[in-house]
Amino acid sequence: LPGEKRENLLDVLVILVLDIEREGLGDQGRCEALLDGHVVAPGKGRRAWNVLKAKATELARARGSRTLPGWVKALREEDLTLIEDATQSRAAHFVRETAARDRYCEMLVRRAREIDLRPMGVEIPPIDFPDEERQQILAAVVSPPGGASSTMRGDLVRRRRRIIVSGDPGAGKSTALRALAGEYASARVYLPIVARMSALDVSEGGDALNALLETALASVGNADDRSLLKDLFGRAVKGGFAAIILDALDETLEHRGTVVKNLQQLLEFYHEETELVIATRDFALPAALTLNYANVRIDAPPLLSDAVRRVVQAICATNDRAGEVDQRTAWVTSILDENPLLRRVPLFQVLLAVLAAETNAVTNLPRRRAQVLSAVLD
């Protein structure tokens, strides 16, 4: 073995003194079990042990010895397929699965700290927000009736285990869910499974869990990772270490009843410790409440001044207006000061920042509320 591998082997090596007089019993049985499925294919442990024992007897008579690669070669010469040859050993599988999980969790953490404006037609890379600014973006959550407000964090879910998050359009439900998924991904205790509620729109007798997992993995680009994660996700749901995060119940329209029923049946069948967060606009809340989970409501956040400035700054950096960031940010602030109701929709604050940064000249920015609304909608 190369020096580094030799040192690693010596660090983990365990030498067992074995009594191998009786086949299939005692220490010989232990040897067969260690070989079976770990070194050679499942079911071939006894044959592999007999090969090694016979070779050892031959060497003892000849007063010879073998290196580790020599013992491996002896097994291959007897047409025994080694697990490592097919790269399917349990240890190797665990390493690949762990790496896939790490990449998946890193993706969720990255998405939690970014704002991606490309769906709005703004062709710039996702904007990364420092932790302190990201906290400002997160809306408050209020537990009715008259409950104390708190931020949308994992401990809020864990106190209730399963919750429904409701709120107006653009109130920050999806942003809060991305932040929550990022928190779960960072903690590495519960495995976050993120999808839209429409994933559960399957016909009677359909596999709702499979449909959910396929949708959750659609954004994972690597096919090998998708395969590994699908198996891991399934075990997480069945074992109670998953956090299922589902957005946009309101978008399921006439299929809403079917979707809610499929979700209920799925959760009844699998582990009761599996955590769940559902987000919906208010008009679909009655359907969600039939699940009898606690409802928390996204409340209006304060003025997102840092977030607004960062959006303006990011866009202005691409259109040669970097020197006008202060003026354009001030316009957004003044519009929100004059129209406090517009602050109640975090998305609108972001849209105003986009409008401020993309308008050709500061003097062309609208001042009247009707003009502002028209420009944003355009």
Protein backbone atom coordinates (compact mmCIF):
# COMPACT_ATOMS: atom_id res chain seq x y z
CA LEU A 1 0.00 0.00 0.00
CA PRO A 2 1.13 3.60 -0.55
CA GLY A 3 2.41 5.31 2.57
CA GLU A 4 -0.72 7.39 3.26
CA LYS A 5 -3.09 4.43 2.78
CA ARG A 6 -0.82 2.28 4.94
CA GLU A 7 -1.02 4.81 7.77
CA ASN A 8 -4.81 5.02 7.42
CA LEU A 9 -5.07 1.24 7.56
CA LEU A 10 -2.93 1.05 10.68
CA ASP A 11 -5.17 3.67 12.33
CA VAL A 12 -8.31 1.56 11.91
CA LEU A 13 -6.92 -1.99 11.79
CA VAL A 14 -8.34 -4.52 14.25
CA ILE A 15 -6.73 -7.96 14.56
CA LEU A 16 -9.06 -10.77 15.63
CA VAL A 17 -7.71 -14.09 16.95
CA LEU A 18 -10.23 -16.62 15.65
CA ASP A 19 -11.12 -20.23 16.45
CA ILE A 20 -12.08 -21.71 13.07
CA GLU A 21 -12.35 -25.40 13.84
CA ARG A 22 -16.10 -25.78 13.22
CA GLU A 23 -17.65 -24.48 10.01
CA GLY A 24 -20.46 -21.95 10.34
CA LEU A 25 -20.14 -21.71 14.08
CA GLY A 26 -18.27 -19.50 16.51
CA ASP A 27 -15.53 -17.34 15.12
CA GLN A 28 -15.71 -18.84 11.65
CA GLY A 29 -19.31 -17.66 11.42
CA ARG A 30 -18.12 -14.20 12.36
CA CYS A 31 -15.52 -14.29 9.57
CA GLU A 32 -18.14 -15.30 7.03
CA ALA A 33 -20.42 -12.48 8.19
CA LEU A 34 -17.62 -9.93 7.91
CA LEU A 35 -16.83 -11.01 4.37
CA ASP A 36 -20.45 -11.34 3.22
CA GLY A 37 -21.69 -8.10 1.63
CA HIS A 38 -18.64 -6.16 2.81
CA VAL A 39 -15.79 -7.74 0.85
CA VAL A 40 -17.60 -10.09 -1.53
CA ALA A 41 -21.13 -10.15 -2.90
CA PRO A 42 -23.97 -10.96 -0.47
CA GLY A 43 -24.35 -14.71 -0.03
CA LYS A 44 -20.72 -15.42 -0.95
CA GLY A 45 -19.18 -14.96 2.49
CA ARG A 46 -18.79 -18.66 3.29
CA ARG A 47 -17.21 -19.46 -0.08
CA ALA A 48 -14.81 -16.55 0.28
CA TRP A 49 -13.81 -17.72 3.75
CA ASN A 50 -13.17 -21.27 2.50
CA VAL A 51 -10.97 -19.89 -0.30
CA LEU A 52 -8.95 -17.78 2.14
CA LYS A 53 -8.61 -20.68 4.59
CA ALA A 54 -7.41 -23.03 1.84
CA LYS A 55 -4.88 -20.48 0.57
CA ALA A 56 -3.65 -19.89 4.12
CA THR A 57 -3.14 -23.64 4.59
CA GLU A 58 -1.12 -23.82 1.37
CA LEU A 59 1.04 -20.89 2.46
CA ALA A 60 1.61 -22.41 5.91
CA ARG A 61 2.87 -25.65 4.35
CA ALA A 62 5.18 -23.70 2.06
CA ARG A 63 6.17 -21.33 4.86
CA GLY A 64 5.08 -18.45 2.64
CA SER A 65 3.04 -15.27 3.05
CA ARG A 66 0.86 -12.86 1.03
CA THR A 67 0.42 -9.12 0.97
CA LEU A 68 -3.07 -7.63 1.22
CA PRO A 69 -3.27 -7.23 -2.60
CA GLY A 70 -2.24 -10.91 -2.79
CA TRP A 71 -5.24 -12.01 -0.73
CA VAL A 72 -7.50 -9.85 -2.89
CA LYS A 73 -6.01 -11.48 -6.00
CA ALA A 74 -6.65 -14.92 -4.51
CA LEU A 75 -10.35 -14.17 -4.19
CA ARG A 76 -10.56 -12.82 -7.73
CA GLU A 77 -8.81 -15.92 -9.09
CA GLU A 78 -11.71 -17.98 -7.71
CA ASP A 79 -14.23 -15.82 -9.64
CA LEU A 80 -15.45 -14.11 -6.50
CA THR A 81 -16.64 -10.60 -7.30
CA LEU A 82 -15.34 -8.13 -4.79
CA ILE A 83 -17.68 -5.43 -3.64
CA GLU A 84 -15.02 -2.80 -4.26
CA ASP A 85 -14.84 -3.89 -7.91
CA ALA A 86 -18.41 -2.78 -8.46
CA THR A 87 -17.90 0.32 -6.26
CA GLN A 88 -20.91 -0.87 -4.28
CA SER A 89 -19.46 -1.52 -0.85
CA ARG A 90 -21.55 -0.28 2.02
CA ALA A 91 -18.78 2.04 3.12
CA ALA A 92 -18.37 3.46 -0.39
CA HIS A 93 -22.14 3.88 -0.72
CA PHE A 94 -22.26 5.74 2.58
CA VAL A 95 -19.45 8.05 1.47
CA ARG A 96 -21.21 8.84 -1.81
CA GLU A 97 -24.55 9.34 -0.06
CA THR A 98 -23.01 11.66 2.51
CA ALA A 99 -21.33 13.71 -0.22
CA ALA A 100 -24.64 13.97 -2.11
CA ARG A 101 -26.41 15.09 1.05
CA ASP A 102 -23.70 17.68 1.72
CA ARG A 103 -24.07 19.11 -1.80
CA TYR A 104 -27.85 19.20 -1.44
CA CYS A 105 -27.71 20.94 1.93
CA GLU A 106 -25.16 23.45 0.65
CA MET A 107 -27.54 24.27 -2.21
CA LEU A 108 -30.38 24.95 0.24
CA VAL A 109 -28.16 27.11 2.46
CA ARG A 110 -27.02 29.09 -0.59
CA ARG A 111 -30.59 29.63 -1.78
CA ALA A 112 -31.60 30.79 1.69
CA ARG A 113 -29.11 33.64 1.62
CA GLU A 114 -29.82 34.75 -1.95
CA ILE A 115 -32.47 36.72 -3.77
CA ASP A 116 -32.89 35.61 -7.36
CA LEU A 117 -34.48 38.31 -9.52
CA ARG A 118 -34.26 36.40 -12.80
CA PRO A 119 -37.90 35.23 -12.58
CA MET A 120 -38.79 38.96 -12.63
CA GLY A 121 -36.82 39.45 -15.83
CA VAL A 122 -33.77 41.01 -14.15
CA GLU A 123 -30.79 39.35 -15.81
CA ILE A 124 -28.24 39.48 -13.00
CA PRO A 125 -26.79 36.66 -10.86
CA PRO A 126 -28.57 35.90 -7.56
CA ILE A 127 -27.79 38.53 -4.92
CA ASP A 128 -26.04 37.24 -1.82
CA PHE A 129 -27.08 38.80 1.51
CA PRO A 130 -24.94 38.86 4.68
CA ASP A 131 -26.50 37.23 7.75
CA GLU A 132 -27.54 40.50 9.42
CA GLU A 133 -29.30 41.73 6.27
CA ARG A 134 -30.91 38.36 5.67
CA GLN A 135 -32.52 38.51 9.11
CA GLN A 136 -34.11 41.81 8.11
CA ILE A 137 -35.69 40.16 5.07
CA LEU A 138 -37.41 37.47 7.13
CA ALA A 139 -40.96 38.40 7.96
CA ALA A 140 -42.39 38.04 11.44
CA VAL A 141 -44.82 35.26 12.23
CA VAL A 142 -47.80 35.69 14.52
CA SER A 143 -49.77 32.89 16.14
CA PRO A 144 -53.45 33.89 16.21
CA PRO A 145 -55.30 34.98 18.13
CA GLY A 146 -53.01 37.71 19.41
CA GLY A 147 -49.99 35.50 19.84
CA ALA A 148 -46.51 36.88 20.42
CA SER A 149 -44.55 37.40 17.22
CA SER A 150 -41.41 35.43 16.47
CA THR A 151 -39.18 34.87 13.47
CA MET A 152 -39.71 31.94 11.15
CA ARG A 153 -37.18 29.53 12.59
CA GLY A 154 -36.90 25.80 13.14
CA ASP A 155 -37.70 26.01 16.85
CA LEU A 156 -41.08 27.49 15.95
CA VAL A 157 -41.82 24.35 13.94
CA ARG A 158 -40.37 21.97 16.49
CA ARG A 159 -42.60 23.36 19.24
CA ARG A 160 -45.62 22.39 17.13
CA ARG A 161 -44.07 19.76 14.82
CA ARG A 162 -46.48 20.56 11.98
CA ILE A 163 -47.68 24.04 11.03
CA ILE A 164 -49.49 25.97 8.31
CA VAL A 165 -48.03 29.33 7.28
CA SER A 166 -50.57 31.72 5.75
CA GLY A 167 -50.38 35.25 4.44
CA ASP A 168 -51.17 37.70 1.66
CA PRO A 169 -49.57 37.47 -1.79
CA GLY A 170 -45.97 38.69 -1.66
CA ALA A 171 -45.95 38.72 2.15
CA GLY A 172 -42.78 36.61 2.31
CA LYS A 173 -44.07 33.06 2.73
CA SER A 174 -41.75 31.52 0.14
CA THR A 175 -38.80 33.54 1.43
CA ALA A 176 -39.50 32.36 4.97
CA LEU A 177 -39.69 28.74 3.79
CA ARG A 178 -36.36 29.03 1.95
CA ALA A 179 -34.79 30.45 5.12
CA LEU A 180 -36.27 27.60 7.15
CA ALA A 181 -34.96 25.00 4.69
CA GLY A 182 -31.52 26.62 4.90
CA GLU A 183 -31.61 26.44 8.69
CA TYR A 184 -32.52 22.75 8.63
CA ALA A 185 -29.80 22.12 6.05
CA SER A 186 -27.19 23.86 8.23
CA ALA A 187 -28.17 22.00 11.40
CA ARG A 188 -28.01 18.56 9.66
CA VAL A 189 -30.48 17.02 12.15
CA TYR A 190 -33.68 16.93 10.11
CA LEU A 191 -33.31 16.47 6.37
CA PRO A 192 -35.33 19.18 4.56
CA ILE A 193 -37.46 18.00 1.63
CA VAL A 194 -38.66 21.06 -0.27
CA ALA A 195 -41.40 20.98 -2.93
CA ARG A 196 -44.59 22.64 -4.06
CA MET A 197 -47.91 21.23 -2.89
CA SER A 198 -48.83 20.38 -6.48
CA ALA A 199 -46.35 17.48 -6.25
CA LEU A 200 -49.01 15.59 -4.29
CA ASP A 201 -51.59 15.85 -7.06
CA VAL A 202 -51.63 12.13 -7.82
CA SER A 203 -54.61 9.96 -8.67
CA GLU A 204 -56.21 7.41 -6.35
CA GLY A 205 -53.74 4.63 -5.67
CA GLY A 206 -50.80 6.70 -6.91
CA ASP A 207 -47.51 6.86 -5.03
CA ALA A 208 -47.68 10.25 -3.32
CA LEU A 209 -44.32 9.84 -1.58
CA ASN A 210 -42.56 9.00 -4.83
CA ALA A 211 -44.16 12.01 -6.55
CA LEU A 212 -43.10 14.26 -3.68
CA LEU A 213 -39.50 13.03 -3.73
CA GLU A 214 -39.21 13.30 -7.52
CA THR A 215 -40.37 16.92 -7.38
CA ALA A 216 -38.09 17.78 -4.46
CA LEU A 217 -35.11 16.40 -6.39
CA ALA A 218 -35.91 18.05 -9.72
CA SER A 219 -33.48 20.90 -9.01
CA VAL A 220 -30.60 18.51 -8.25
CA GLY A 221 -28.61 18.42 -11.48
CA ASN A 222 -26.51 15.31 -10.88
CA ALA A 223 -28.36 12.07 -11.73
CA ASP A 224 -26.27 9.99 -9.30
CA ASP A 225 -27.03 12.46 -6.50
CA ARG A 226 -30.75 12.27 -7.29
CA SER A 227 -30.70 8.49 -7.00
CA LEU A 228 -28.78 8.53 -3.73
CA LEU A 229 -30.89 11.31 -2.23
CA LYS A 230 -34.18 9.72 -3.22
CA ASP A 231 -33.31 6.64 -1.18
CA LEU A 232 -32.10 8.83 1.70
CA PHE A 233 -35.24 11.00 1.58
CA GLY A 234 -37.44 7.92 1.73
CA ARG A 235 -35.63 6.63 4.80
CA ALA A 236 -35.82 10.07 6.40
CA VAL A 237 -39.61 10.27 6.02
CA LYS A 238 -40.09 6.72 7.25
CA GLY A 239 -37.60 7.15 10.08
CA GLY A 240 -38.79 10.50 11.41
CA PHE A 241 -35.74 12.63 10.61
CA ALA A 242 -37.24 14.56 7.70
CA ALA A 243 -38.73 18.05 7.56
CA ILE A 244 -41.16 18.33 4.64
CA ILE A 245 -41.53 21.93 3.47
CA LEU A 246 -44.38 22.50 1.01
CA ASP A 247 -45.20 25.79 -0.69
CA ALA A 248 -48.21 27.15 -2.61
CA LEU A 249 -51.22 25.09 -1.55
CA ASP A 250 -53.29 27.90 -3.08
CA GLU A 251 -51.92 27.08 -6.56
CA THR A 252 -53.47 23.59 -6.57
CA LEU A 253 -56.87 25.13 -7.47
CA GLU A 254 -59.60 22.52 -8.12
CA HIS A 255 -57.22 19.72 -7.08
CA ARG A 256 -56.77 21.16 -3.59
CA GLY A 257 -58.98 18.57 -1.89
CA THR A 258 -57.08 15.69 -3.49
CA VAL A 259 -53.71 17.19 -2.58
CA VAL A 260 -54.67 17.72 1.08
CA LYS A 261 -56.11 14.21 1.31
CA ASN A 262 -52.96 12.67 -0.19
CA LEU A 263 -50.77 14.59 2.24
CA GLN A 264 -52.83 13.47 5.22
CA GLN A 265 -52.69 9.83 4.14
CA LEU A 266 -48.96 10.03 3.52
CA LEU A 267 -48.27 11.45 6.98
CA GLU A 268 -50.56 8.95 8.69
CA PHE A 269 -48.63 6.10 7.10
CA TYR A 270 -45.13 7.36 7.86
CA HIS A 271 -43.28 8.38 11.03
CA GLU A 272 -45.12 10.70 13.40
CA GLU A 273 -41.92 12.65 14.14
CA THR A 274 -41.61 13.81 10.52
CA GLU A 275 -41.93 17.61 10.64
CA LEU A 276 -44.10 19.54 8.20
CA VAL A 277 -44.54 23.15 7.07
CA ILE A 278 -47.23 24.15 4.55
CA ALA A 279 -47.50 27.64 3.06
CA THR A 280 -50.65 29.05 1.49
CA ARG A 281 -52.43 32.25 0.67
CA ASP A 282 -55.38 33.07 2.90
CA PHE A 283 -58.10 31.99 0.47
CA ALA A 284 -56.87 28.36 0.55
CA LEU A 285 -56.36 28.31 4.33
CA PRO A 286 -59.70 26.55 5.11
CA ALA A 287 -58.54 23.48 3.15
CA ALA A 288 -55.22 23.42 5.01
CA LEU A 289 -56.93 23.75 8.40
CA THR A 290 -58.75 20.46 7.83
CA LEU A 291 -55.40 18.85 8.67
CA ASN A 292 -55.77 20.21 12.24
CA TYR A 293 -52.29 21.70 12.37
CA ALA A 294 -51.39 24.99 14.04
CA ASN A 295 -51.67 28.09 11.84
CA VAL A 296 -49.13 30.92 11.97
CA ARG A 297 -49.47 34.01 9.84
CA ILE A 298 -46.79 35.99 8.05
CA ASP A 299 -47.00 39.56 9.31
CA ALA A 300 -45.69 42.65 7.57
CA PRO A 301 -41.95 43.18 8.16
CA PRO A 302 -40.45 46.65 8.67
CA LEU A 303 -38.93 48.66 5.86
CA LEU A 304 -36.29 46.46 4.24
CA SER A 305 -33.84 49.31 3.81
CA ASP A 306 -30.68 47.18 3.64
CA ALA A 307 -32.26 44.72 1.24
CA VAL A 308 -33.61 47.50 -0.97
CA ARG A 309 -30.21 49.15 -1.16
CA ARG A 310 -28.45 45.88 -1.99
CA VAL A 311 -30.88 45.17 -4.84
CA VAL A 312 -30.46 48.69 -6.24
CA GLN A 313 -26.69 48.40 -5.88
CA ALA A 314 -26.55 45.01 -7.65
CA ILE A 315 -28.57 46.17 -10.64
CA CYS A 316 -26.85 49.56 -10.93
CA ALA A 317 -23.49 47.77 -11.03
CA THR A 318 -24.55 46.17 -14.32
CA ASN A 319 -25.87 49.29 -16.08
CA ASP A 320 -23.20 51.90 -15.33
CA ARG A 321 -25.27 53.67 -12.63
CA ALA A 322 -23.16 52.79 -9.60
CA GLY A 323 -22.83 56.47 -8.73
CA GLU A 324 -26.60 56.87 -8.44
CA VAL A 325 -27.29 54.16 -5.84
CA ASP A 326 -27.98 56.66 -3.03
CA GLN A 327 -30.44 58.72 -5.11
CA ARG A 328 -32.32 55.70 -6.38
CA THR A 329 -32.49 54.07 -2.94
CA ALA A 330 -33.78 57.34 -1.48
CA TRP A 331 -36.59 57.35 -4.05
CA VAL A 332 -37.73 53.90 -2.87
CA THR A 333 -37.65 55.02 0.76
CA SER A 334 -39.64 58.18 0.01
CA ILE A 335 -42.33 56.23 -1.90
CA LEU A 336 -42.73 53.80 1.00
CA ASP A 337 -42.81 56.64 3.54
CA GLU A 338 -45.57 58.36 1.56
CA ASN A 339 -47.52 55.09 1.09
CA PRO A 340 -47.14 53.01 4.28
CA LEU A 341 -49.57 50.36 3.03
CA LEU A 342 -47.09 49.38 0.35
CA ARG A 343 -44.68 48.27 3.07
CA ARG A 344 -47.01 45.43 3.95
CA VAL A 345 -45.88 43.52 0.88
CA PRO A 346 -42.14 42.71 1.01
CA LEU A 347 -42.20 41.72 -2.65
CA PHE A 348 -43.41 45.20 -3.56
CA GLN A 349 -40.40 46.73 -1.83
CA VAL A 350 -38.13 44.55 -3.97
CA LEU A 351 -40.08 45.49 -7.12
CA LEU A 352 -39.68 49.18 -6.27
CA ALA A 353 -35.93 48.62 -5.91
CA VAL A 354 -35.84 46.98 -9.34
CA LEU A 355 -37.83 49.87 -10.85
CA ALA A 356 -35.53 52.43 -9.20
CA ALA A 357 -32.40 50.74 -10.55
CA GLU A 358 -33.67 50.06 -14.08
CA THR A 359 -35.29 53.42 -14.89
CA ASN A 360 -33.04 55.35 -17.29
CA ALA A 361 -32.82 58.56 -15.29
CA VAL A 362 -33.62 59.39 -11.68
CA THR A 363 -35.74 62.29 -12.89
CA ASN A 364 -37.96 59.84 -14.78
CA LEU A 365 -38.95 57.92 -11.64
CA PRO A 366 -42.69 58.33 -10.92
CA ARG A 367 -43.93 60.15 -7.83
CA ARG A 368 -47.67 59.65 -7.69
CA ARG A 369 -49.00 56.41 -6.27
CA ALA A 370 -50.99 55.52 -9.38
CA GLN A 371 -47.95 56.10 -11.58
CA VAL A 372 -45.78 54.01 -9.26
CA LEU A 373 -48.24 51.10 -9.25
CA SER A 374 -48.60 51.26 -13.01
CA ALA A 375 -44.82 51.28 -13.53
CA VAL A 376 -44.31 48.31 -11.19
CA LEU A 377 -47.03 46.29 -12.87
CA ASP A 378 -45.61 47.06 -16.30
